[in-house]
N, C-alpha and C. Protein backbone atom coordinates (compact mmCIF):
# COMPACT_ATOMS: atom_id res chain seq x y z
N MET A 1 -123.16 85.09 53.20
CA MET A 1 -123.87 83.84 53.44
C MET A 1 -125.15 83.85 52.61
N HIS A 2 -125.40 82.75 51.89
CA HIS A 2 -126.60 82.69 51.05
C HIS A 2 -127.85 82.46 51.89
N ARG A 3 -128.96 82.90 51.33
CA ARG A 3 -130.25 82.66 51.97
C ARG A 3 -130.60 81.19 51.87
N LEU A 4 -131.27 80.70 52.87
CA LEU A 4 -131.71 79.31 52.83
C LEU A 4 -133.03 79.21 52.09
N MET A 5 -133.13 78.24 51.22
CA MET A 5 -134.40 77.92 50.57
C MET A 5 -135.04 76.85 51.45
N ARG A 6 -136.14 77.20 52.10
CA ARG A 6 -136.80 76.28 53.04
C ARG A 6 -138.05 75.70 52.40
N PHE A 7 -138.22 74.41 52.53
CA PHE A 7 -139.37 73.71 51.96
C PHE A 7 -139.98 72.79 53.02
N PRO A 8 -140.91 73.32 53.82
CA PRO A 8 -141.53 72.51 54.87
C PRO A 8 -142.25 71.27 54.32
N SER A 9 -142.56 71.27 53.02
CA SER A 9 -143.26 70.12 52.44
C SER A 9 -142.31 68.99 52.01
N SER A 10 -141.01 69.14 52.25
CA SER A 10 -140.08 68.07 51.88
C SER A 10 -140.37 66.82 52.72
N VAL A 11 -140.14 65.66 52.10
CA VAL A 11 -140.43 64.38 52.74
C VAL A 11 -139.26 63.42 52.53
N LYS A 12 -139.28 62.31 53.24
CA LYS A 12 -138.19 61.33 53.12
C LYS A 12 -138.07 60.82 51.68
N HIS A 13 -139.16 60.41 51.07
CA HIS A 13 -139.16 59.97 49.67
C HIS A 13 -140.41 60.50 48.99
N ASP A 14 -140.21 61.41 48.06
CA ASP A 14 -141.33 62.03 47.36
C ASP A 14 -141.69 61.20 46.13
N PRO A 15 -142.91 60.65 46.06
CA PRO A 15 -143.31 59.86 44.89
C PRO A 15 -143.22 60.65 43.58
N ALA A 16 -143.35 61.97 43.63
CA ALA A 16 -143.24 62.79 42.42
C ALA A 16 -141.85 62.68 41.80
N ILE A 17 -140.85 62.45 42.63
CA ILE A 17 -139.48 62.30 42.10
C ILE A 17 -139.35 60.99 41.35
N GLU A 18 -139.97 59.95 41.85
CA GLU A 18 -139.93 58.66 41.12
C GLU A 18 -140.60 58.81 39.76
N ILE A 19 -141.70 59.54 39.71
CA ILE A 19 -142.38 59.79 38.43
C ILE A 19 -141.44 60.57 37.50
N TRP A 20 -140.78 61.61 38.03
CA TRP A 20 -139.84 62.40 37.24
C TRP A 20 -138.74 61.50 36.68
N MET A 21 -138.19 60.64 37.52
CA MET A 21 -137.11 59.74 37.08
C MET A 21 -137.60 58.82 35.96
N ASN A 22 -138.81 58.28 36.11
CA ASN A 22 -139.37 57.40 35.08
C ASN A 22 -139.60 58.14 33.76
N GLU A 23 -139.91 59.43 33.85
CA GLU A 23 -140.15 60.22 32.65
C GLU A 23 -138.85 60.66 31.97
N HIS A 24 -137.72 60.54 32.66
CA HIS A 24 -136.42 60.92 32.12
C HIS A 24 -135.56 59.67 31.99
N SER A 25 -135.91 58.90 30.98
CA SER A 25 -135.19 57.64 30.78
C SER A 25 -133.97 57.89 29.88
N GLY A 26 -133.30 56.84 29.56
CA GLY A 26 -132.12 56.96 28.70
C GLY A 26 -130.90 57.39 29.49
N GLU A 27 -129.88 57.74 28.75
CA GLU A 27 -128.59 58.08 29.35
C GLU A 27 -128.67 59.25 30.32
N LEU A 28 -129.38 60.30 29.92
CA LEU A 28 -129.47 61.47 30.79
C LEU A 28 -130.24 61.16 32.07
N GLY A 29 -131.29 60.38 31.93
CA GLY A 29 -132.05 59.97 33.11
C GLY A 29 -131.21 59.14 34.07
N THR A 30 -130.40 58.27 33.51
CA THR A 30 -129.52 57.43 34.34
C THR A 30 -128.52 58.29 35.10
N ILE A 31 -127.96 59.28 34.42
CA ILE A 31 -127.01 60.19 35.07
C ILE A 31 -127.70 60.96 36.20
N ALA A 32 -128.88 61.53 35.91
CA ALA A 32 -129.62 62.29 36.93
C ALA A 32 -129.98 61.41 38.11
N GLN A 33 -130.45 60.22 37.82
CA GLN A 33 -130.85 59.31 38.90
C GLN A 33 -129.66 58.94 39.78
N TYR A 34 -128.53 58.66 39.16
CA TYR A 34 -127.34 58.28 39.93
C TYR A 34 -126.95 59.39 40.91
N TRP A 35 -126.83 60.62 40.40
CA TRP A 35 -126.37 61.70 41.26
C TRP A 35 -127.42 62.11 42.29
N PHE A 36 -128.69 61.95 41.97
CA PHE A 36 -129.70 62.24 42.99
C PHE A 36 -129.66 61.19 44.10
N GLU A 37 -129.38 59.97 43.72
CA GLU A 37 -129.24 58.91 44.73
C GLU A 37 -128.06 59.21 45.66
N VAL A 38 -127.00 59.76 45.11
CA VAL A 38 -125.85 60.17 45.94
C VAL A 38 -126.32 61.21 46.96
N MET A 39 -127.12 62.18 46.51
CA MET A 39 -127.64 63.21 47.43
C MET A 39 -128.51 62.59 48.51
N ARG A 40 -129.38 61.67 48.11
CA ARG A 40 -130.27 61.00 49.07
C ARG A 40 -129.48 60.29 50.16
N ASN A 41 -128.33 59.78 49.80
CA ASN A 41 -127.54 58.97 50.73
C ASN A 41 -126.57 59.78 51.59
N CYS A 42 -126.66 61.10 51.55
CA CYS A 42 -125.75 61.93 52.35
C CYS A 42 -125.99 61.76 53.85
N GLY A 43 -127.22 61.52 54.25
CA GLY A 43 -127.52 61.38 55.68
C GLY A 43 -128.97 61.04 55.92
N ASP A 44 -129.25 60.60 57.14
CA ASP A 44 -130.62 60.22 57.52
C ASP A 44 -131.57 61.41 57.54
N ASP A 45 -131.03 62.61 57.60
CA ASP A 45 -131.87 63.81 57.66
C ASP A 45 -132.18 64.39 56.28
N VAL A 46 -131.79 63.70 55.21
CA VAL A 46 -132.07 64.20 53.86
C VAL A 46 -133.55 63.99 53.56
N ARG A 47 -134.18 65.06 53.09
CA ARG A 47 -135.56 65.04 52.65
C ARG A 47 -135.56 65.52 51.21
N GLU A 48 -136.68 65.36 50.51
CA GLU A 48 -136.71 65.73 49.10
C GLU A 48 -138.07 66.22 48.68
N LEU A 49 -138.09 66.86 47.53
CA LEU A 49 -139.33 67.28 46.90
C LEU A 49 -139.01 67.66 45.46
N LEU A 50 -140.07 67.75 44.67
CA LEU A 50 -139.94 68.25 43.31
C LEU A 50 -140.19 69.76 43.38
N HIS A 51 -139.14 70.56 43.16
CA HIS A 51 -139.25 72.02 43.24
C HIS A 51 -138.94 72.59 41.86
N ASP A 52 -139.85 73.37 41.33
CA ASP A 52 -139.69 73.94 39.98
C ASP A 52 -139.38 72.86 38.95
N GLY A 53 -139.99 71.70 39.14
CA GLY A 53 -139.80 70.59 38.20
C GLY A 53 -138.48 69.87 38.33
N GLN A 54 -137.75 70.11 39.41
CA GLN A 54 -136.43 69.51 39.60
C GLN A 54 -136.39 68.71 40.90
N PRO A 55 -135.92 67.47 40.85
CA PRO A 55 -135.70 66.74 42.10
C PRO A 55 -134.70 67.50 42.97
N THR A 56 -135.14 67.82 44.17
CA THR A 56 -134.37 68.68 45.07
C THR A 56 -134.13 67.96 46.39
N ALA A 57 -132.88 68.00 46.84
CA ALA A 57 -132.49 67.37 48.11
C ALA A 57 -132.32 68.44 49.17
N CYS A 58 -132.83 68.14 50.36
CA CYS A 58 -132.79 69.07 51.48
C CYS A 58 -132.17 68.40 52.70
N VAL A 59 -131.59 69.21 53.57
CA VAL A 59 -131.28 68.78 54.93
C VAL A 59 -132.47 69.25 55.73
N ALA A 60 -133.24 68.30 56.24
CA ALA A 60 -134.54 68.62 56.85
C ALA A 60 -135.37 69.36 55.81
N ASP A 61 -135.58 70.68 55.98
CA ASP A 61 -136.39 71.41 55.00
C ASP A 61 -135.56 72.43 54.21
N ALA A 62 -134.24 72.43 54.36
CA ALA A 62 -133.38 73.41 53.71
C ALA A 62 -132.67 72.78 52.50
N ALA A 63 -132.96 73.30 51.32
CA ALA A 63 -132.43 72.73 50.08
C ALA A 63 -130.92 72.91 49.98
N PHE A 64 -130.24 71.83 49.55
CA PHE A 64 -128.80 71.95 49.33
C PHE A 64 -128.39 71.61 47.90
N ALA A 65 -129.17 70.78 47.19
CA ALA A 65 -128.77 70.39 45.83
C ALA A 65 -129.97 69.90 45.03
N TYR A 66 -129.78 69.82 43.71
CA TYR A 66 -130.84 69.34 42.82
C TYR A 66 -130.22 68.72 41.58
N VAL A 67 -131.04 68.00 40.82
CA VAL A 67 -130.65 67.54 39.49
C VAL A 67 -131.73 68.00 38.51
N ASP A 68 -131.32 68.17 37.25
CA ASP A 68 -132.27 68.46 36.19
C ASP A 68 -131.69 67.93 34.88
N ALA A 69 -132.55 67.39 34.05
CA ALA A 69 -132.13 66.84 32.76
C ALA A 69 -132.63 67.73 31.64
N PHE A 70 -131.75 68.01 30.71
CA PHE A 70 -132.07 68.82 29.54
C PHE A 70 -131.90 67.94 28.30
N LYS A 71 -131.92 68.53 27.12
CA LYS A 71 -131.80 67.74 25.89
C LYS A 71 -130.45 67.05 25.75
N ALA A 72 -129.38 67.73 26.14
CA ALA A 72 -128.04 67.19 25.90
C ALA A 72 -127.18 67.09 27.15
N HIS A 73 -127.71 67.49 28.31
CA HIS A 73 -126.90 67.41 29.52
C HIS A 73 -127.79 67.33 30.76
N VAL A 74 -127.14 67.04 31.87
CA VAL A 74 -127.77 67.02 33.19
C VAL A 74 -127.06 68.07 34.04
N ASN A 75 -127.82 68.84 34.79
CA ASN A 75 -127.22 69.74 35.77
C ASN A 75 -127.32 69.11 37.15
N VAL A 76 -126.23 69.14 37.87
CA VAL A 76 -126.22 68.87 39.30
C VAL A 76 -125.97 70.24 39.91
N GLY A 77 -127.01 70.76 40.58
CA GLY A 77 -126.95 72.13 41.07
C GLY A 77 -126.88 72.23 42.58
N PHE A 78 -126.37 73.38 43.03
CA PHE A 78 -126.15 73.62 44.45
C PHE A 78 -126.73 74.97 44.84
N PHE A 79 -127.62 74.95 45.83
CA PHE A 79 -128.29 76.17 46.25
C PHE A 79 -127.33 77.19 46.85
N GLY A 80 -126.27 76.76 47.47
CA GLY A 80 -125.24 77.66 47.99
C GLY A 80 -123.93 77.49 47.25
N GLY A 81 -124.02 77.13 45.98
CA GLY A 81 -122.83 76.80 45.20
C GLY A 81 -121.82 77.92 45.06
N ALA A 82 -122.27 79.17 45.12
CA ALA A 82 -121.34 80.29 44.98
C ALA A 82 -120.35 80.33 46.14
N GLU A 83 -120.68 79.69 47.25
CA GLU A 83 -119.80 79.70 48.42
C GLU A 83 -119.06 78.39 48.63
N LEU A 84 -119.27 77.42 47.75
CA LEU A 84 -118.59 76.13 47.91
C LEU A 84 -117.15 76.21 47.41
N ASP A 85 -116.26 75.55 48.12
CA ASP A 85 -114.89 75.40 47.67
C ASP A 85 -114.89 74.43 46.49
N ASP A 86 -114.33 74.84 45.38
CA ASP A 86 -114.35 74.05 44.15
C ASP A 86 -112.95 74.01 43.53
N PRO A 87 -112.03 73.31 44.18
CA PRO A 87 -110.64 73.32 43.68
C PRO A 87 -110.48 72.71 42.29
N ASN A 88 -111.42 71.89 41.86
CA ASN A 88 -111.34 71.26 40.54
C ASN A 88 -112.03 72.06 39.45
N GLY A 89 -112.66 73.17 39.81
CA GLY A 89 -113.28 74.05 38.83
C GLY A 89 -114.46 73.44 38.10
N LEU A 90 -115.26 72.62 38.78
CA LEU A 90 -116.42 72.00 38.15
C LEU A 90 -117.62 72.93 38.05
N LEU A 91 -117.76 73.84 38.99
CA LEU A 91 -118.96 74.66 39.08
C LEU A 91 -119.03 75.72 37.98
N GLU A 92 -120.25 75.90 37.46
CA GLU A 92 -120.54 76.91 36.44
C GLU A 92 -121.65 77.80 36.96
N GLY A 93 -121.77 78.98 36.37
CA GLY A 93 -122.85 79.89 36.70
C GLY A 93 -122.32 81.18 37.29
N THR A 94 -123.17 82.19 37.25
CA THR A 94 -122.76 83.51 37.73
C THR A 94 -123.77 84.11 38.70
N GLY A 95 -124.73 83.33 39.14
CA GLY A 95 -125.73 83.83 40.07
C GLY A 95 -125.13 84.17 41.42
N LYS A 96 -125.89 84.93 42.21
CA LYS A 96 -125.42 85.33 43.55
C LYS A 96 -125.21 84.13 44.46
N PHE A 97 -126.04 83.11 44.31
CA PHE A 97 -126.02 82.00 45.26
C PHE A 97 -125.78 80.64 44.61
N MET A 98 -126.45 80.38 43.53
CA MET A 98 -126.46 79.03 42.95
C MET A 98 -125.36 78.82 41.93
N ARG A 99 -124.92 77.56 41.85
CA ARG A 99 -123.97 77.12 40.83
C ARG A 99 -124.39 75.70 40.43
N HIS A 100 -123.88 75.23 39.29
CA HIS A 100 -124.21 73.89 38.84
C HIS A 100 -123.01 73.27 38.12
N VAL A 101 -123.07 71.97 37.99
CA VAL A 101 -122.10 71.21 37.22
C VAL A 101 -122.87 70.59 36.06
N LYS A 102 -122.39 70.81 34.83
CA LYS A 102 -123.03 70.21 33.65
C LYS A 102 -122.39 68.87 33.37
N LEU A 103 -123.24 67.86 33.23
CA LEU A 103 -122.76 66.51 32.92
C LEU A 103 -123.30 66.12 31.55
N ARG A 104 -122.40 65.69 30.68
CA ARG A 104 -122.78 65.25 29.34
C ARG A 104 -122.37 63.79 29.17
N PRO A 105 -123.23 63.00 28.55
CA PRO A 105 -122.91 61.57 28.38
C PRO A 105 -121.57 61.32 27.68
N GLU A 106 -121.21 62.20 26.76
CA GLU A 106 -119.99 61.98 25.99
C GLU A 106 -118.73 62.48 26.70
N SER A 107 -118.89 63.12 27.85
CA SER A 107 -117.75 63.67 28.59
C SER A 107 -117.67 63.03 29.97
N GLU A 108 -116.48 62.68 30.36
CA GLU A 108 -116.30 62.15 31.71
C GLU A 108 -116.24 63.29 32.71
N VAL A 109 -116.78 63.04 33.87
CA VAL A 109 -116.72 64.01 34.95
C VAL A 109 -115.77 63.45 36.01
N ASP A 110 -115.14 64.33 36.74
CA ASP A 110 -114.33 63.92 37.87
C ASP A 110 -115.32 63.55 38.99
N ALA A 111 -115.68 62.27 39.01
CA ALA A 111 -116.71 61.80 39.95
C ALA A 111 -116.32 62.03 41.40
N THR A 112 -115.04 61.89 41.71
CA THR A 112 -114.58 62.11 43.08
C THR A 112 -114.79 63.57 43.48
N ALA A 113 -114.47 64.50 42.56
CA ALA A 113 -114.64 65.92 42.85
C ALA A 113 -116.12 66.28 42.99
N LEU A 114 -116.98 65.70 42.14
CA LEU A 114 -118.41 65.99 42.23
C LEU A 114 -119.00 65.40 43.51
N LEU A 115 -118.58 64.22 43.87
CA LEU A 115 -119.03 63.61 45.13
C LEU A 115 -118.64 64.51 46.30
N LYS A 116 -117.41 65.04 46.25
CA LYS A 116 -116.96 65.93 47.32
C LYS A 116 -117.80 67.21 47.37
N LEU A 117 -118.15 67.77 46.20
CA LEU A 117 -119.02 68.96 46.18
C LEU A 117 -120.37 68.67 46.81
N ILE A 118 -120.96 67.53 46.48
CA ILE A 118 -122.26 67.17 47.04
C ILE A 118 -122.16 67.02 48.55
N ASN A 119 -121.14 66.31 49.00
CA ASN A 119 -120.97 66.12 50.45
C ASN A 119 -120.68 67.44 51.16
N THR A 120 -119.91 68.31 50.52
CA THR A 120 -119.62 69.61 51.11
C THR A 120 -120.89 70.45 51.21
N ALA A 121 -121.71 70.44 50.16
CA ALA A 121 -122.97 71.19 50.19
C ALA A 121 -123.88 70.68 51.30
N TYR A 122 -123.95 69.37 51.45
CA TYR A 122 -124.76 68.76 52.51
C TYR A 122 -124.24 69.18 53.89
N THR A 123 -122.95 69.02 54.10
CA THR A 123 -122.35 69.35 55.40
C THR A 123 -122.49 70.83 55.71
N ASP A 124 -122.28 71.67 54.69
CA ASP A 124 -122.43 73.11 54.87
C ASP A 124 -123.86 73.45 55.32
N MET A 125 -124.84 72.83 54.69
CA MET A 125 -126.23 73.12 55.06
C MET A 125 -126.52 72.64 56.48
N LYS A 126 -126.01 71.49 56.85
CA LYS A 126 -126.18 71.01 58.24
C LYS A 126 -125.61 72.02 59.23
N GLU A 127 -124.42 72.52 58.92
CA GLU A 127 -123.78 73.49 59.82
C GLU A 127 -124.59 74.78 59.90
N ARG A 128 -125.11 75.25 58.77
CA ARG A 128 -125.93 76.46 58.77
C ARG A 128 -127.17 76.27 59.63
N LEU A 129 -127.82 75.11 59.48
CA LEU A 129 -129.02 74.84 60.28
C LEU A 129 -128.68 74.73 61.76
N ASN A 130 -127.55 74.12 62.08
CA ASN A 130 -127.13 74.02 63.49
C ASN A 130 -126.86 75.40 64.08
N CYS A 131 -126.26 76.29 63.29
CA CYS A 131 -126.02 77.66 63.75
C CYS A 131 -127.33 78.38 64.00
N ILE A 132 -128.27 78.24 63.09
CA ILE A 132 -129.58 78.86 63.26
C ILE A 132 -130.27 78.32 64.49
N SER A 133 -130.20 77.00 64.72
CA SER A 133 -130.82 76.38 65.89
C SER A 133 -130.16 76.91 67.17
N GLY A 134 -128.84 77.02 67.14
CA GLY A 134 -128.12 77.53 68.31
C GLY A 134 -128.49 78.96 68.64
N ILE A 135 -128.68 79.78 67.62
CA ILE A 135 -129.07 81.17 67.83
C ILE A 135 -130.48 81.22 68.40
N ALA A 136 -131.36 80.37 67.88
CA ALA A 136 -132.76 80.35 68.34
C ALA A 136 -132.85 79.93 69.80
N ARG A 137 -131.94 79.04 70.24
CA ARG A 137 -131.96 78.57 71.63
C ARG A 137 -131.33 79.58 72.58
N SER A 138 -130.51 80.48 72.09
CA SER A 138 -129.81 81.44 72.95
C SER A 138 -130.75 82.44 73.58
């Protein structure tokens, strides 16, 4: 089980993320904004912050996903990505915990599979937090 990245400073809508989005215009910015909006819409308990210069989505204060724009691609990353079921083989990376999906404007992504990864990461984090809460109440 991966460690939780906790960010007590996460908020419902972080103005720093809007600034980040405005600074990342063009095709890559549009891609990053779209997928971050998907993360924001996972549930009423989603909070966000700019962490290490990346728009980061949390369940309450526990990070589950992020976006980042580079020169030629956008990463949609997952804090517990190494443990996510990825039947379509979208995830890249070799870290102990994190994985990401690279999105390039000239390449189509399986949007249904990426949406499922985002929703799975969100649901997984909710379940982890519920387990922690249950243990704390015991």
